[in-house]
Amino acid sequence: MEEILKALNYQPVDISDEDLDNPVPSISYFFVNHPIHESRTKLWELYEGWIHFAAESPDGEELTDMLFFYSQLVELLNLCYLFTQKIEKINNDIISQ
């Protein structure tokens, strides 16, 4: 846990102690405010805006890196959504027993 905190504290981060112990509720709440399909769309719009409004035209390597980063963030969003849905199903199954 100490290594995780070191990585998080490298840059300022605002995560409560409760979320450090159990991040699932906050991840689930993210998708309440930002449904998965809207999140992917907004992320693409951010990427498009970055390309369109970059002060200097990004070179090929920078474009490739940013597109790869975008793709990985979409995958992370999808996995987080999947994870929270599985956890909710498990919790609902336990409650209904």
C-alpha atoms as a PDB file:
ATOM      1  CA  MET A   1       0.000   0.000   0.000  1.00  0.00           C
ATOM      2  CA  GLU A   2       2.883   2.350   0.729  1.00  0.00           C
ATOM      3  CA  GLU A   3       4.132   2.082  -2.873  1.00  0.00           C
ATOM      4  CA  ILE A   4       0.647   2.896  -4.152  1.00  0.00           C
ATOM      5  CA  LEU A   5       0.497   5.990  -1.971  1.00  0.00           C
ATOM      6  CA  LYS A   6       3.942   7.075  -3.187  1.00  0.00           C
ATOM      7  CA  ALA A   7       2.798   6.794  -6.817  1.00  0.00           C
ATOM      8  CA  LEU A   8      -0.418   8.692  -6.099  1.00  0.00           C
ATOM      9  CA  ASN A   9       1.365  11.392  -4.148  1.00  0.00           C
ATOM     10  CA  TYR A  10       3.926  12.016  -6.892  1.00  0.00           C
ATOM     11  CA  GLN A  11       1.417  14.507  -8.210  1.00  0.00           C
ATOM     12  CA  PRO A  12      -1.300  16.050  -6.026  1.00  0.00           C
ATOM     13  CA  VAL A  13      -4.284  13.726  -5.835  1.00  0.00           C
ATOM     14  CA  ASP A  14      -7.593  14.128  -4.063  1.00  0.00           C
ATOM     15  CA  ILE A  15      -8.592  10.641  -2.977  1.00  0.00           C
ATOM     16  CA  SER A  16     -10.237  10.096   0.373  1.00  0.00           C
ATOM     17  CA  ASP A  17      -9.081   7.423   2.800  1.00  0.00           C
ATOM     18  CA  GLU A  18     -12.400   5.668   2.223  1.00  0.00           C
ATOM     19  CA  ASP A  19     -11.758   5.551  -1.537  1.00  0.00           C
ATOM     20  CA  LEU A  20      -8.248   4.273  -0.959  1.00  0.00           C
ATOM     21  CA  ASP A  21      -9.737   1.335   0.937  1.00  0.00           C
ATOM     22  CA  ASN A  22     -12.566   0.739  -1.544  1.00  0.00           C
ATOM     23  CA  PRO A  23     -12.602   2.708  -4.833  1.00  0.00           C
ATOM     24  CA  VAL A  24     -15.531   0.789  -6.377  1.00  0.00           C
ATOM     25  CA  PRO A  25     -18.353   3.071  -5.131  1.00  0.00           C
ATOM     26  CA  SER A  26     -16.662   6.181  -6.512  1.00  0.00           C
ATOM     27  CA  ILE A  27     -15.918   4.479  -9.819  1.00  0.00           C
ATOM     28  CA  SER A  28     -19.560   3.405 -10.025  1.00  0.00           C
ATOM     29  CA  TYR A  29     -20.685   6.936  -9.204  1.00  0.00           C
ATOM     30  CA  PHE A  30     -18.552   8.267 -12.062  1.00  0.00           C
ATOM     31  CA  PHE A  31     -20.678   6.243 -14.487  1.00  0.00           C
ATOM     32  CA  VAL A  32     -23.884   7.562 -12.885  1.00  0.00           C
ATOM     33  CA  ASN A  33     -22.788  11.096 -13.802  1.00  0.00           C
ATOM     34  CA  HIS A  34     -21.070  10.127 -17.053  1.00  0.00           C
ATOM     35  CA  PRO A  35     -22.617   7.076 -18.751  1.00  0.00           C
ATOM     36  CA  ILE A  36     -20.073   4.938 -20.589  1.00  0.00           C
ATOM     37  CA  HIS A  37     -21.227   5.933 -24.092  1.00  0.00           C
ATOM     38  CA  GLU A  38     -21.079   9.634 -23.183  1.00  0.00           C
ATOM     39  CA  SER A  39     -17.660   9.207 -21.567  1.00  0.00           C
ATOM     40  CA  ARG A  40     -16.210   7.697 -24.733  1.00  0.00           C
ATOM     41  CA  THR A  41     -17.740  10.498 -26.833  1.00  0.00           C
ATOM     42  CA  LYS A  42     -16.409  13.222 -24.525  1.00  0.00           C
ATOM     43  CA  LEU A  43     -12.966  11.661 -24.521  1.00  0.00           C
ATOM     44  CA  TRP A  44     -12.949  11.642 -28.340  1.00  0.00           C
ATOM     45  CA  GLU A  45     -14.034  15.296 -28.356  1.00  0.00           C
ATOM     46  CA  LEU A  46     -11.140  16.145 -26.034  1.00  0.00           C
ATOM     47  CA  TYR A  47      -8.753  14.377 -28.402  1.00  0.00           C
ATOM     48  CA  GLU A  48     -10.211  16.175 -31.435  1.00  0.00           C
ATOM     49  CA  GLY A  49      -9.980  19.503 -29.625  1.00  0.00           C
ATOM     50  CA  TRP A  50      -6.356  18.858 -28.728  1.00  0.00           C
ATOM     51  CA  ILE A  51      -5.528  18.213 -32.390  1.00  0.00           C
ATOM     52  CA  HIS A  52      -7.531  21.176 -33.641  1.00  0.00           C
ATOM     53  CA  PHE A  53      -6.370  23.748 -31.105  1.00  0.00           C
ATOM     54  CA  ALA A  54      -2.735  22.700 -30.597  1.00  0.00           C
ATOM     55  CA  ALA A  55      -0.629  25.862 -30.849  1.00  0.00           C
ATOM     56  CA  GLU A  56       1.957  23.978 -32.837  1.00  0.00           C
ATOM     57  CA  SER A  57       1.049  21.197 -35.171  1.00  0.00           C
ATOM     58  CA  PRO A  58       1.855  17.925 -33.404  1.00  0.00           C
ATOM     59  CA  ASP A  59       4.367  15.723 -35.187  1.00  0.00           C
ATOM     60  CA  GLY A  60       3.655  12.132 -36.202  1.00  0.00           C
ATOM     61  CA  GLU A  61       5.118  10.595 -33.065  1.00  0.00           C
ATOM     62  CA  GLU A  62       3.159  12.907 -30.784  1.00  0.00           C
ATOM     63  CA  LEU A  63      -0.061  12.162 -32.689  1.00  0.00           C
ATOM     64  CA  THR A  64       0.619   8.426 -32.445  1.00  0.00           C
ATOM     65  CA  ASP A  65       1.362   8.668 -28.719  1.00  0.00           C
ATOM     66  CA  MET A  66      -1.788  10.684 -28.042  1.00  0.00           C
ATOM     67  CA  LEU A  67      -3.988   8.351 -30.109  1.00  0.00           C
ATOM     68  CA  PHE A  68      -2.514   5.372 -28.241  1.00  0.00           C
ATOM     69  CA  PHE A  69      -3.186   7.167 -24.938  1.00  0.00           C
ATOM     70  CA  TYR A  70      -6.770   7.849 -26.056  1.00  0.00           C
ATOM     71  CA  SER A  71      -7.253   4.177 -26.993  1.00  0.00           C
ATOM     72  CA  GLN A  72      -5.890   3.025 -23.661  1.00  0.00           C
ATOM     73  CA  LEU A  73      -8.144   5.444 -21.749  1.00  0.00           C
ATOM     74  CA  VAL A  74     -11.192   4.125 -23.615  1.00  0.00           C
ATOM     75  CA  GLU A  75     -10.132   0.592 -22.718  1.00  0.00           C
ATOM     76  CA  LEU A  76      -9.673   1.658 -19.084  1.00  0.00           C
ATOM     77  CA  LEU A  77     -13.136   3.257 -19.045  1.00  0.00           C
ATOM     78  CA  ASN A  78     -14.648   0.092 -20.487  1.00  0.00           C
ATOM     79  CA  LEU A  79     -12.838  -2.116 -17.973  1.00  0.00           C
ATOM     80  CA  CYS A  80     -13.817   0.102 -15.039  1.00  0.00           C
ATOM     81  CA  TYR A  81     -17.423  -0.002 -16.173  1.00  0.00           C
ATOM     82  CA  LEU A  82     -17.316  -3.772 -16.578  1.00  0.00           C
ATOM     83  CA  PHE A  83     -15.677  -4.173 -13.165  1.00  0.00           C
ATOM     84  CA  THR A  84     -18.264  -2.040 -11.379  1.00  0.00           C
ATOM     85  CA  GLN A  85     -21.122  -3.880 -13.091  1.00  0.00           C
ATOM     86  CA  LYS A  86     -19.696  -7.244 -12.015  1.00  0.00           C
ATOM     87  CA  ILE A  87     -19.227  -6.040  -8.431  1.00  0.00           C
ATOM     88  CA  GLU A  88     -22.784  -4.695  -8.332  1.00  0.00           C
ATOM     89  CA  LYS A  89     -24.123  -8.013  -9.644  1.00  0.00           C
ATOM     90  CA  ILE A  90     -22.147  -9.944  -7.019  1.00  0.00           C
ATOM     91  CA  ASN A  91     -23.408  -7.629  -4.275  1.00  0.00           C
ATOM     92  CA  ASN A  92     -27.008  -7.926  -5.501  1.00  0.00           C
ATOM     93  CA  ASP A  93     -26.707 -11.717  -5.642  1.00  0.00           C
ATOM     94  CA  ILE A  94     -25.406 -11.795  -2.063  1.00  0.00           C
ATOM     95  CA  ILE A  95     -28.196  -9.524  -0.842  1.00  0.00           C
ATOM     96  CA  SER A  96     -30.905 -11.577  -2.558  1.00  0.00           C
ATOM     97  CA  GLN A  97     -29.738 -14.835  -0.951  1.00  0.00           C
END
